[in-house]
């Protein structure tokens, strides 16, 4: 944590949330589209959740690129490996930090965006949908599960990025994951993220991908 640019991470968190709220406020410019596609509070919550997950899965790939990929590419990781700490612990520490940040960012952002949009919507009526005054307990459980899945599936881009120590590949693979989660599976526009099993399955894939990367790095010669 001391090696990270925490003020920069905090600033990115604030800017991402501001951007998501701004995108939601743009709904007021297309009232006909809002009435057609967002007929209930559940539709709005699904959109908020999708935007937050997309933003922070991609941001996690940026952190992976900065904290791991670039260090292997520039071979500065060898300095860390000279400390009397096993390579596995060093890499796991980095992955745990990124996963925890993703977990907390997803939960915090959904809450912040939800209440921010609720306040603006109550004042200016961007949508005719009446949002609940508070997040329900059932949704809180769902949100925690989604955040856990995102914390793990956000590690999948590391597997592809470490093949050639490529930052662009890492970020592009995260964009593809987001595209997969946001893709519609029926005429009603239901996306894969709404099926909790899908992000959980990708989370399991992310866990094993991270395990493979750490195992290969531990055995690698520099």
C-alpha atoms as a PDB file:
ATOM      1  CA  UNK A   1       0.000   0.000   0.000  1.00  0.00           C
ATOM      2  CA  UNK A   2       2.883   2.370   0.724  1.00  0.00           C
ATOM      3  CA  UNK A   3       4.228   1.889  -2.796  1.00  0.00           C
ATOM      4  CA  UNK A   4       0.879   2.895  -4.336  1.00  0.00           C
ATOM      5  CA  UNK A   5      -0.160   6.384  -5.326  1.00  0.00           C
ATOM      6  CA  UNK A   6      -3.146   6.413  -2.970  1.00  0.00           C
ATOM      7  CA  UNK A   7      -4.154  10.054  -3.668  1.00  0.00           C
ATOM      8  CA  UNK A   8      -4.221   9.191  -7.370  1.00  0.00           C
ATOM      9  CA  UNK A   9      -6.345   6.104  -6.706  1.00  0.00           C
ATOM     10  CA  UNK A  10      -8.751   8.161  -4.566  1.00  0.00           C
ATOM     11  CA  UNK A  11      -8.983  10.838  -7.260  1.00  0.00           C
ATOM     12  CA  UNK A  12      -9.706   8.205  -9.906  1.00  0.00           C
ATOM     13  CA  UNK A  13     -12.472   6.783  -7.690  1.00  0.00           C
ATOM     14  CA  UNK A  14     -14.098  10.215  -7.334  1.00  0.00           C
ATOM     15  CA  UNK A  15     -13.824  11.023 -11.052  1.00  0.00           C
ATOM     16  CA  UNK A  16     -15.235   7.645 -12.089  1.00  0.00           C
ATOM     17  CA  UNK A  17     -18.249   8.116  -9.827  1.00  0.00           C
ATOM     18  CA  UNK A  18     -18.775  11.657 -11.094  1.00  0.00           C
ATOM     19  CA  UNK A  19     -18.645  10.393 -14.677  1.00  0.00           C
ATOM     20  CA  UNK A  20     -21.195   7.638 -13.991  1.00  0.00           C
ATOM     21  CA  UNK A  21     -23.593  10.070 -12.288  1.00  0.00           C
ATOM     22  CA  UNK A  22     -23.143  12.456 -15.225  1.00  0.00           C
ATOM     23  CA  UNK A  23     -23.995   9.686 -17.692  1.00  0.00           C
ATOM     24  CA  UNK A  24     -27.150   8.875 -15.752  1.00  0.00           C
ATOM     25  CA  UNK A  25     -28.201  12.517 -15.690  1.00  0.00           C
ATOM     26  CA  UNK A  26     -28.013  12.522 -19.481  1.00  0.00           C
ATOM     27  CA  UNK A  27     -31.059  10.241 -19.407  1.00  0.00           C
ATOM     28  CA  UNK A  28     -33.105  13.393 -18.962  1.00  0.00           C
ATOM     29  CA  UNK A  29     -32.228  14.483 -22.503  1.00  0.00           C
ATOM     30  CA  UNK A  30     -34.064  11.482 -24.020  1.00  0.00           C
ATOM     31  CA  UNK A  31     -37.385  11.130 -22.146  1.00  0.00           C
ATOM     32  CA  UNK A  32     -38.892   8.822 -24.787  1.00  0.00           C
ATOM     33  CA  UNK A  33     -35.983   6.380 -24.520  1.00  0.00           C
ATOM     34  CA  UNK A  34     -36.196   6.482 -20.732  1.00  0.00           C
ATOM     35  CA  UNK A  35     -39.879   5.564 -20.761  1.00  0.00           C
ATOM     36  CA  UNK A  36     -39.191   2.692 -23.170  1.00  0.00           C
ATOM     37  CA  UNK A  37     -36.134   1.106 -21.576  1.00  0.00           C
ATOM     38  CA  UNK A  38     -36.324   2.157 -17.916  1.00  0.00           C
ATOM     39  CA  UNK A  39     -39.835   1.420 -16.758  1.00  0.00           C
ATOM     40  CA  UNK A  40     -38.937   0.443 -13.182  1.00  0.00           C
ATOM     41  CA  UNK A  41     -36.461   1.081 -10.391  1.00  0.00           C
ATOM     42  CA  UNK A  42     -34.961  -2.350 -11.097  1.00  0.00           C
ATOM     43  CA  UNK A  43     -34.009  -1.233 -14.622  1.00  0.00           C
ATOM     44  CA  UNK A  44     -32.243   1.842 -13.233  1.00  0.00           C
ATOM     45  CA  UNK A  45     -30.423  -0.244 -10.636  1.00  0.00           C
ATOM     46  CA  UNK A  46     -29.329  -2.705 -13.323  1.00  0.00           C
ATOM     47  CA  UNK A  47     -27.886   0.170 -15.363  1.00  0.00           C
ATOM     48  CA  UNK A  48     -26.085   1.616 -12.324  1.00  0.00           C
ATOM     49  CA  UNK A  49     -24.654  -1.775 -11.459  1.00  0.00           C
ATOM     50  CA  UNK A  50     -23.496  -2.390 -15.030  1.00  0.00           C
ATOM     51  CA  UNK A  51     -21.786   1.002 -15.313  1.00  0.00           C
ATOM     52  CA  UNK A  52     -20.028   0.601 -11.962  1.00  0.00           C
ATOM     53  CA  UNK A  53     -18.841  -2.947 -12.676  1.00  0.00           C
ATOM     54  CA  UNK A  54     -17.630  -1.963 -16.152  1.00  0.00           C
ATOM     55  CA  UNK A  55     -15.733   1.055 -14.833  1.00  0.00           C
ATOM     56  CA  UNK A  56     -13.928  -0.730 -12.026  1.00  0.00           C
ATOM     57  CA  UNK A  57     -13.128  -3.941 -13.883  1.00  0.00           C
ATOM     58  CA  UNK A  58     -11.345  -1.756 -16.441  1.00  0.00           C
ATOM     59  CA  UNK A  59      -9.748   0.341 -13.684  1.00  0.00           C
ATOM     60  CA  UNK A  60      -8.512  -2.856 -12.024  1.00  0.00           C
ATOM     61  CA  UNK A  61      -6.730  -3.717 -15.280  1.00  0.00           C
ATOM     62  CA  UNK A  62      -5.020  -0.315 -15.121  1.00  0.00           C
ATOM     63  CA  UNK A  63      -3.841  -1.087 -11.578  1.00  0.00           C
ATOM     64  CA  UNK A  64      -2.661  -4.530 -12.697  1.00  0.00           C
ATOM     65  CA  UNK A  65      -0.720  -2.905 -15.512  1.00  0.00           C
ATOM     66  CA  UNK A  66       0.901  -0.364 -13.198  1.00  0.00           C
ATOM     67  CA  UNK A  67       1.662  -2.628 -10.252  1.00  0.00           C
ATOM     68  CA  UNK A  68       2.584  -5.874 -12.012  1.00  0.00           C
ATOM     69  CA  UNK A  69       2.776  -5.860 -15.812  1.00  0.00           C
ATOM     70  CA  UNK A  70       5.032  -2.799 -16.115  1.00  0.00           C
ATOM     71  CA  UNK A  71       7.286  -4.009 -13.303  1.00  0.00           C
ATOM     72  CA  UNK A  72       7.844  -7.308 -15.104  1.00  0.00           C
ATOM     73  CA  UNK A  73       8.263  -5.544 -18.448  1.00  0.00           C
ATOM     74  CA  UNK A  74      10.856  -3.118 -17.052  1.00  0.00           C
ATOM     75  CA  UNK A  75      12.313  -5.824 -14.768  1.00  0.00           C
ATOM     76  CA  UNK A  76      11.941  -3.556 -11.725  1.00  0.00           C
ATOM     77  CA  UNK A  77      10.134  -6.463 -10.089  1.00  0.00           C
ATOM     78  CA  UNK A  78      13.562  -8.012  -9.484  1.00  0.00           C
ATOM     79  CA  UNK A  79      14.210  -5.358  -6.830  1.00  0.00           C
ATOM     80  CA  UNK A  80      11.173  -6.549  -4.880  1.00  0.00           C
ATOM     81  CA  UNK A  81      12.238 -10.151  -5.328  1.00  0.00           C
ATOM     82  CA  UNK A  82      15.552  -9.316  -3.622  1.00  0.00           C
ATOM     83  CA  UNK A  83      13.749  -8.709  -0.320  1.00  0.00           C
ATOM     84  CA  UNK A  84      13.728 -11.595   2.175  1.00  0.00           C
ATOM     85  CA  UNK A  85      10.128 -12.344   1.262  1.00  0.00           C
ATOM     86  CA  UNK A  86       9.023 -15.101  -1.084  1.00  0.00           C
ATOM     87  CA  UNK A  87       8.003 -14.143  -4.596  1.00  0.00           C
ATOM     88  CA  UNK A  88       4.616 -15.715  -4.011  1.00  0.00           C
ATOM     89  CA  UNK A  89       3.898 -13.449  -1.045  1.00  0.00           C
ATOM     90  CA  UNK A  90       5.011 -10.354  -2.946  1.00  0.00           C
ATOM     91  CA  UNK A  91       2.736 -11.088  -5.902  1.00  0.00           C
ATOM     92  CA  UNK A  92      -0.164 -12.210  -3.737  1.00  0.00           C
ATOM     93  CA  UNK A  93       0.073  -8.969  -1.771  1.00  0.00           C
ATOM     94  CA  UNK A  94      -0.289  -6.986  -4.997  1.00  0.00           C
ATOM     95  CA  UNK A  95      -3.225  -9.085  -6.195  1.00  0.00           C
ATOM     96  CA  UNK A  96      -4.988  -8.919  -2.832  1.00  0.00           C
ATOM     97  CA  UNK A  97      -4.660  -5.127  -2.740  1.00  0.00           C
ATOM     98  CA  UNK A  98      -6.141  -4.774  -6.239  1.00  0.00           C
ATOM     99  CA  UNK A  99      -8.950  -7.247  -5.485  1.00  0.00           C
ATOM    100  CA  UNK A 100      -9.840  -5.543  -2.202  1.00  0.00           C
ATOM    101  CA  UNK A 101      -9.871  -2.125  -3.845  1.00  0.00           C
ATOM    102  CA  UNK A 102     -12.142  -3.448  -6.597  1.00  0.00           C
ATOM    103  CA  UNK A 103     -14.449  -5.042  -4.014  1.00  0.00           C
ATOM    104  CA  UNK A 104     -14.835  -1.891  -1.928  1.00  0.00           C
ATOM    105  CA  UNK A 105     -14.998   0.413  -4.950  1.00  0.00           C
ATOM    106  CA  UNK A 106     -17.875  -1.550  -6.509  1.00  0.00           C
ATOM    107  CA  UNK A 107     -19.912  -1.522  -3.295  1.00  0.00           C
ATOM    108  CA  UNK A 108     -19.162   2.112  -2.454  1.00  0.00           C
ATOM    109  CA  UNK A 109     -19.779   3.317  -6.004  1.00  0.00           C
ATOM    110  CA  UNK A 110     -23.154   1.613  -6.380  1.00  0.00           C
ATOM    111  CA  UNK A 111     -24.264   3.228  -3.108  1.00  0.00           C
ATOM    112  CA  UNK A 112     -22.848   6.656  -4.005  1.00  0.00           C
ATOM    113  CA  UNK A 113     -24.253   6.645  -7.541  1.00  0.00           C
ATOM    114  CA  UNK A 114     -27.643   5.365  -6.393  1.00  0.00           C
ATOM    115  CA  UNK A 115     -28.147   8.046  -3.744  1.00  0.00           C
ATOM    116  CA  UNK A 116     -26.654  10.793  -5.908  1.00  0.00           C
ATOM    117  CA  UNK A 117     -28.950   9.973  -8.799  1.00  0.00           C
ATOM    118  CA  UNK A 118     -31.932   9.610  -6.433  1.00  0.00           C
ATOM    119  CA  UNK A 119     -31.324  13.123  -5.105  1.00  0.00           C
ATOM    120  CA  UNK A 120     -30.965  14.672  -8.568  1.00  0.00           C
ATOM    121  CA  UNK A 121     -33.916  12.689  -9.915  1.00  0.00           C
ATOM    122  CA  UNK A 122     -36.092  13.848  -7.029  1.00  0.00           C
ATOM    123  CA  UNK A 123     -35.128  17.458  -7.700  1.00  0.00           C
ATOM    124  CA  UNK A 124     -35.295  17.549 -11.489  1.00  0.00           C
ATOM    125  CA  UNK A 125     -37.270  14.395 -12.483  1.00  0.00           C
ATOM    126  CA  UNK A 126     -34.803  13.047 -15.041  1.00  0.00           C
ATOM    127  CA  UNK A 127     -36.904   9.873 -15.174  1.00  0.00           C
ATOM    128  CA  UNK A 128     -40.540   9.177 -14.256  1.00  0.00           C
ATOM    129  CA  UNK A 129     -39.367   6.194 -12.205  1.00  0.00           C
ATOM    130  CA  UNK A 130     -39.647   6.633  -8.443  1.00  0.00           C
ATOM    131  CA  UNK A 131     -36.511   5.201  -6.854  1.00  0.00           C
ATOM    132  CA  UNK A 132     -36.707   3.679  -3.369  1.00  0.00           C
ATOM    133  CA  UNK A 133     -35.490   5.861  -0.518  1.00  0.00           C
ATOM    134  CA  UNK A 134     -32.976   3.200   0.552  1.00  0.00           C
ATOM    135  CA  UNK A 135     -31.353   0.084  -0.863  1.00  0.00           C
ATOM    136  CA  UNK A 136     -33.169  -3.037   0.262  1.00  0.00           C
ATOM    137  CA  UNK A 137     -31.467  -5.693   2.354  1.00  0.00           C
ATOM    138  CA  UNK A 138     -31.975  -8.301  -0.360  1.00  0.00           C
ATOM    139  CA  UNK A 139     -30.144  -6.139  -2.862  1.00  0.00           C
ATOM    140  CA  UNK A 140     -27.304  -5.591  -0.380  1.00  0.00           C
ATOM    141  CA  UNK A 141     -26.629  -9.334  -0.382  1.00  0.00           C
ATOM    142  CA  UNK A 142     -26.702  -9.387  -4.180  1.00  0.00           C
ATOM    143  CA  UNK A 143     -24.337  -6.408  -4.302  1.00  0.00           C
ATOM    144  CA  UNK A 144     -21.815  -8.080  -2.002  1.00  0.00           C
ATOM    145  CA  UNK A 145     -21.863 -11.222  -4.151  1.00  0.00           C
ATOM    146  CA  UNK A 146     -21.347  -9.172  -7.337  1.00  0.00           C
ATOM    147  CA  UNK A 147     -18.506  -7.217  -5.694  1.00  0.00           C
ATOM    148  CA  UNK A 148     -16.775 -10.452  -4.658  1.00  0.00           C
ATOM    149  CA  UNK A 149     -17.139 -11.814  -8.192  1.00  0.00           C
ATOM    150  CA  UNK A 150     -15.763  -8.583  -9.686  1.00  0.00           C
ATOM    151  CA  UNK A 151     -12.818  -8.603  -7.287  1.00  0.00           C
ATOM    152  CA  UNK A 152     -11.846 -11.995  -8.677  1.00  0.00           C
ATOM    153  CA  UNK A 153     -12.825 -11.719 -12.349  1.00  0.00           C
ATOM    154  CA  UNK A 154     -10.901  -8.432 -12.577  1.00  0.00           C
ATOM    155  CA  UNK A 155      -7.744 -10.573 -12.349  1.00  0.00           C
ATOM    156  CA  UNK A 156      -8.462 -12.395 -15.631  1.00  0.00           C
ATOM    157  CA  UNK A 157      -6.731  -9.684 -17.761  1.00  0.00           C
ATOM    158  CA  UNK A 158      -3.527 -10.360 -15.817  1.00  0.00           C
ATOM    159  CA  UNK A 159      -3.282 -13.801 -17.437  1.00  0.00           C
ATOM    160  CA  UNK A 160      -3.332 -12.339 -20.948  1.00  0.00           C
ATOM    161  CA  UNK A 161      -1.161  -9.346 -20.116  1.00  0.00           C
ATOM    162  CA  UNK A 162       1.578 -11.463 -18.588  1.00  0.00           C
ATOM    163  CA  UNK A 163       2.014 -13.497 -21.757  1.00  0.00           C
ATOM    164  CA  UNK A 164       3.967 -10.678 -23.448  1.00  0.00           C
ATOM    165  CA  UNK A 165       4.081  -8.215 -20.535  1.00  0.00           C
ATOM    166  CA  UNK A 166       1.680  -6.056 -22.530  1.00  0.00           C
ATOM    167  CA  UNK A 167      -0.280  -3.208 -20.944  1.00  0.00           C
ATOM    168  CA  UNK A 168      -2.586  -2.742 -23.991  1.00  0.00           C
ATOM    169  CA  UNK A 169      -3.484  -6.451 -23.987  1.00  0.00           C
ATOM    170  CA  UNK A 170      -4.297  -6.267 -20.278  1.00  0.00           C
ATOM    171  CA  UNK A 171      -6.649  -3.319 -20.701  1.00  0.00           C
ATOM    172  CA  UNK A 172      -8.232  -4.562 -23.938  1.00  0.00           C
ATOM    173  CA  UNK A 173      -8.994  -7.945 -22.351  1.00  0.00           C
ATOM    174  CA  UNK A 174     -10.775  -6.162 -19.489  1.00  0.00           C
ATOM    175  CA  UNK A 175     -12.851  -4.224 -22.030  1.00  0.00           C
ATOM    176  CA  UNK A 176     -13.798  -7.515 -23.704  1.00  0.00           C
ATOM    177  CA  UNK A 177     -14.884  -8.944 -20.346  1.00  0.00           C
ATOM    178  CA  UNK A 178     -17.055  -5.874 -19.782  1.00  0.00           C
ATOM    179  CA  UNK A 179     -18.516  -6.262 -23.284  1.00  0.00           C
ATOM    180  CA  UNK A 180     -19.346  -9.890 -22.489  1.00  0.00           C
ATOM    181  CA  UNK A 181     -21.073  -8.992 -19.213  1.00  0.00           C
ATOM    182  CA  UNK A 182     -23.067  -6.181 -20.817  1.00  0.00           C
ATOM    183  CA  UNK A 183     -24.202  -8.190 -23.837  1.00  0.00           C
ATOM    184  CA  UNK A 184     -27.936  -8.817 -24.137  1.00  0.00           C
ATOM    185  CA  UNK A 185     -29.219 -12.389 -24.069  1.00  0.00           C
ATOM    186  CA  UNK A 186     -32.899 -11.799 -24.884  1.00  0.00           C
ATOM    187  CA  UNK A 187     -35.141  -9.288 -26.698  1.00  0.00           C
ATOM    188  CA  UNK A 188     -35.884  -7.551 -23.394  1.00  0.00           C
ATOM    189  CA  UNK A 189     -32.249  -6.461 -23.169  1.00  0.00           C
ATOM    190  CA  UNK A 190     -31.316  -8.554 -20.144  1.00  0.00           C
ATOM    191  CA  UNK A 191     -27.520  -8.679 -19.843  1.00  0.00           C
ATOM    192  CA  UNK A 192     -25.300 -11.455 -18.515  1.00  0.00           C
ATOM    193  CA  UNK A 193     -24.369  -9.440 -15.431  1.00  0.00           C
ATOM    194  CA  UNK A 194     -27.958  -9.730 -14.198  1.00  0.00           C
ATOM    195  CA  UNK A 195     -27.444 -13.495 -13.902  1.00  0.00           C
ATOM    196  CA  UNK A 196     -25.356 -13.732 -10.729  1.00  0.00           C
ATOM    197  CA  UNK A 197     -23.969 -17.120 -11.755  1.00  0.00           C
ATOM    198  CA  UNK A 198     -22.149 -15.597 -14.753  1.00  0.00           C
ATOM    199  CA  UNK A 199     -19.912 -13.122 -12.847  1.00  0.00           C
ATOM    200  CA  UNK A 200     -19.376 -15.774 -10.172  1.00  0.00           C
ATOM    201  CA  UNK A 201     -18.197 -18.237 -12.826  1.00  0.00           C
ATOM    202  CA  UNK A 202     -15.869 -15.606 -14.275  1.00  0.00           C
ATOM    203  CA  UNK A 203     -14.684 -14.910 -10.731  1.00  0.00           C
ATOM    204  CA  UNK A 204     -13.639 -18.533 -10.366  1.00  0.00           C
ATOM    205  CA  UNK A 205     -11.833 -18.273 -13.715  1.00  0.00           C
ATOM    206  CA  UNK A 206     -10.070 -15.148 -12.453  1.00  0.00           C
ATOM    207  CA  UNK A 207      -8.936 -16.932  -9.297  1.00  0.00           C
ATOM    208  CA  UNK A 208      -7.386 -19.783 -11.271  1.00  0.00           C
ATOM    209  CA  UNK A 209      -5.860 -17.363 -13.798  1.00  0.00           C
ATOM    210  CA  UNK A 210      -4.156 -15.473 -10.964  1.00  0.00           C
ATOM    211  CA  UNK A 211      -2.948 -18.765  -9.478  1.00  0.00           C
ATOM    212  CA  UNK A 212      -1.366 -19.748 -12.796  1.00  0.00           C
ATOM    213  CA  UNK A 213       0.317 -16.360 -13.179  1.00  0.00           C
ATOM    214  CA  UNK A 214       1.756 -16.432  -9.647  1.00  0.00           C
ATOM    215  CA  UNK A 215       2.954 -20.017 -10.054  1.00  0.00           C
ATOM    216  CA  UNK A 216       4.720 -19.227 -13.334  1.00  0.00           C
ATOM    217  CA  UNK A 217       6.303 -16.047 -11.949  1.00  0.00           C
ATOM    218  CA  UNK A 218       7.647 -17.888  -8.914  1.00  0.00           C
ATOM    219  CA  UNK A 219       9.510 -20.347 -11.157  1.00  0.00           C
ATOM    220  CA  UNK A 220      10.667 -17.761 -13.685  1.00  0.00           C
ATOM    221  CA  UNK A 221      14.327 -16.794 -13.985  1.00  0.00           C
ATOM    222  CA  UNK A 222      15.333 -13.132 -14.425  1.00  0.00           C
END
